[in-house]
Structures are given as C-alpha cells and as structure tokens.
C-alpha cells in the first residue's frame, strides 16, 4: 500500500506527528543567525531574556518552511507541545501574536524563581 509522504499532503493535519518534521533542525535554524529575532525584551517593567514573538515565528516558518499561516501556527503549537518552546509565563498556547515565547534551550537560571530546592 502506497503511503504519501508528508510533503505531498496539503492538509493542515499533515504535520500532526513529531516524526513528520525534523524539529531539532527547525529549532536550530530558528535560533541561528538567520532565525527569528531572539533577544531580551521588556513588558510591564519586567525583563524577559532570550524571547521571540509568536508572530515573528509564524512569519519565519512561512518563509523558511514554506508553510501557510495556518500551518505555521500549527507548527508553533506542535513545538510547544513537544517541549521545544513555551510561552514565557506558560499562560498561552502558541499564537500568531506579539506574545513572548522562548526556546527551552535558551532558558537561564534567572528565568526561574528562587527556591530552596537544588536543581
């Protein structure tokens, strides 16, 4: 039985499984020199380190992964579900909005509240 390759399936449902994208390669490219703009940003007098906008990630995925806007949003949500990125306050799913997201690989010790527990 012939099974079409993911790139042959135009449906937005196509990239539903981790195996269908090389998430590590996509994340590496997004964090690279030609990736999304990752920098320290302020919101309501609080500084957030190493963050990017969800809307910038959508534009990047549309350009570099040749995704439609809907597919790019779905890819962002799948990256969130795969534990690759997260909303900085963990209050939102992935959205095509200027909300702050961060790659888990870009976390710093300053991002976590001080506790008596050792890491």
Protein backbone atom coordinates (compact mmCIF):
# COMPACT_ATOMS: atom_id res chain seq x y z
CA UNK A 1 0.00 0.00 0.00
CA UNK A 2 1.35 3.41 -1.01
CA UNK A 3 1.58 5.95 1.78
CA UNK A 4 2.02 9.54 0.62
CA UNK A 5 4.92 11.47 2.09
CA UNK A 6 4.02 14.34 4.48
CA UNK A 7 5.09 16.97 1.94
CA UNK A 8 2.62 15.50 -0.55
CA UNK A 9 -0.32 16.01 1.77
CA UNK A 10 -1.65 19.58 1.54
CA UNK A 11 -3.87 19.22 4.59
CA UNK A 12 -3.14 21.26 7.71
CA UNK A 13 -3.45 17.95 9.57
CA UNK A 14 -0.38 16.56 7.80
CA UNK A 15 2.30 17.57 10.33
CA UNK A 16 0.50 16.20 13.37
CA UNK A 17 3.27 13.83 14.43
CA UNK A 18 6.75 14.67 15.64
CA UNK A 19 8.27 12.25 13.14
CA UNK A 20 6.94 14.26 10.22
CA UNK A 21 9.21 17.24 10.93
CA UNK A 22 12.83 17.39 11.99
CA UNK A 23 12.04 19.55 15.00
CA UNK A 24 15.67 19.71 16.11
CA UNK A 25 16.76 21.06 12.72
CA UNK A 26 13.89 23.57 12.64
CA UNK A 27 14.64 24.75 16.19
CA UNK A 28 18.36 25.06 15.40
CA UNK A 29 17.58 27.12 12.28
CA UNK A 30 15.11 29.31 14.16
CA UNK A 31 17.75 30.01 16.82
CA UNK A 32 20.52 30.60 14.26
CA UNK A 33 21.88 33.69 12.54
CA UNK A 34 19.00 33.76 10.04
CA UNK A 35 16.40 32.73 12.58
CA UNK A 36 13.76 34.61 14.50
CA UNK A 37 14.76 37.69 16.47
CA UNK A 38 15.62 36.33 19.91
CA UNK A 39 16.56 38.97 22.43
CA UNK A 40 15.83 40.42 25.84
CA UNK A 41 12.55 42.30 25.84
CA UNK A 42 10.57 44.24 28.43
CA UNK A 43 6.88 44.09 29.18
CA UNK A 44 5.22 45.97 32.03
CA UNK A 45 8.61 46.83 33.57
CA UNK A 46 9.69 43.18 33.66
CA UNK A 47 12.60 41.98 31.56
CA UNK A 48 12.31 38.66 29.74
CA UNK A 49 15.55 37.15 28.47
CA UNK A 50 16.04 35.36 25.14
CA UNK A 51 12.47 35.67 23.88
CA UNK A 52 10.84 35.94 20.47
CA UNK A 53 7.38 36.96 19.33
CA UNK A 54 4.92 34.28 18.26
CA UNK A 55 4.04 36.46 15.27
CA UNK A 56 7.72 36.58 14.21
CA UNK A 57 7.95 32.79 14.46
CA UNK A 58 4.89 32.43 12.22
CA UNK A 59 6.45 34.71 9.58
CA UNK A 60 9.74 32.80 9.80
CA UNK A 61 8.04 29.41 9.40
CA UNK A 62 6.03 30.70 6.45
CA UNK A 63 9.22 31.90 4.75
CA UNK A 64 11.69 29.15 5.65
CA UNK A 65 9.40 26.12 5.88
CA UNK A 66 7.10 27.26 3.05
CA UNK A 67 4.12 26.89 5.37
CA UNK A 68 0.78 28.64 5.11
CA UNK A 69 -0.09 30.89 8.04
CA UNK A 70 -2.39 28.18 9.44
CA UNK A 71 0.32 25.53 9.08
CA UNK A 72 2.89 27.81 10.72
CA UNK A 73 0.59 28.38 13.70
CA UNK A 74 0.03 24.63 13.95
CA UNK A 75 3.80 24.04 13.77
CA UNK A 76 4.33 26.54 16.58
CA UNK A 77 1.72 24.79 18.70
CA UNK A 78 3.33 21.41 17.97
CA UNK A 79 6.72 22.82 19.01
CA UNK A 80 5.11 23.95 22.24
CA UNK A 81 3.53 20.52 22.78
CA UNK A 82 6.85 18.81 22.00
CA UNK A 83 8.55 20.81 24.77
CA UNK A 84 10.75 22.81 22.40
CA UNK A 85 9.30 26.25 23.14
CA UNK A 86 6.94 27.73 25.70
CA UNK A 87 5.15 30.96 26.48
CA UNK A 88 7.38 32.76 28.98
CA UNK A 89 4.69 32.74 31.66
CA UNK A 90 3.13 29.47 30.43
CA UNK A 91 -0.19 31.30 30.08
CA UNK A 92 -0.84 30.83 26.35
CA UNK A 93 -0.84 28.22 23.67
CA UNK A 94 1.10 29.22 20.57
CA UNK A 95 -0.50 32.25 18.90
CA UNK A 96 0.25 34.44 15.89
CA UNK A 97 0.54 37.45 18.19
CA UNK A 98 3.35 39.53 19.73
CA UNK A 99 3.42 37.28 22.79
CA UNK A 100 6.77 36.26 24.27
CA UNK A 101 7.94 32.70 23.68
CA UNK A 102 11.27 31.10 24.49
CA UNK A 103 13.15 28.00 23.43
CA UNK A 104 13.75 25.77 26.43
CA UNK A 105 17.38 25.60 25.25
CA UNK A 106 17.60 29.37 25.87
CA UNK A 107 16.42 29.24 29.49
CA UNK A 108 18.68 30.85 32.07
CA UNK A 109 18.74 30.48 35.82
CA UNK A 110 17.29 34.00 36.06
CA UNK A 111 14.09 32.74 34.47
CA UNK A 112 13.11 30.69 37.49
CA UNK A 113 12.01 31.97 40.89
CA UNK A 114 14.47 31.30 43.68
CA UNK A 115 13.56 28.31 45.80
CA UNK A 116 15.28 26.25 48.44
CA UNK A 117 15.35 23.29 46.07
CA UNK A 118 18.53 22.45 44.25
CA UNK A 119 18.20 21.95 40.50
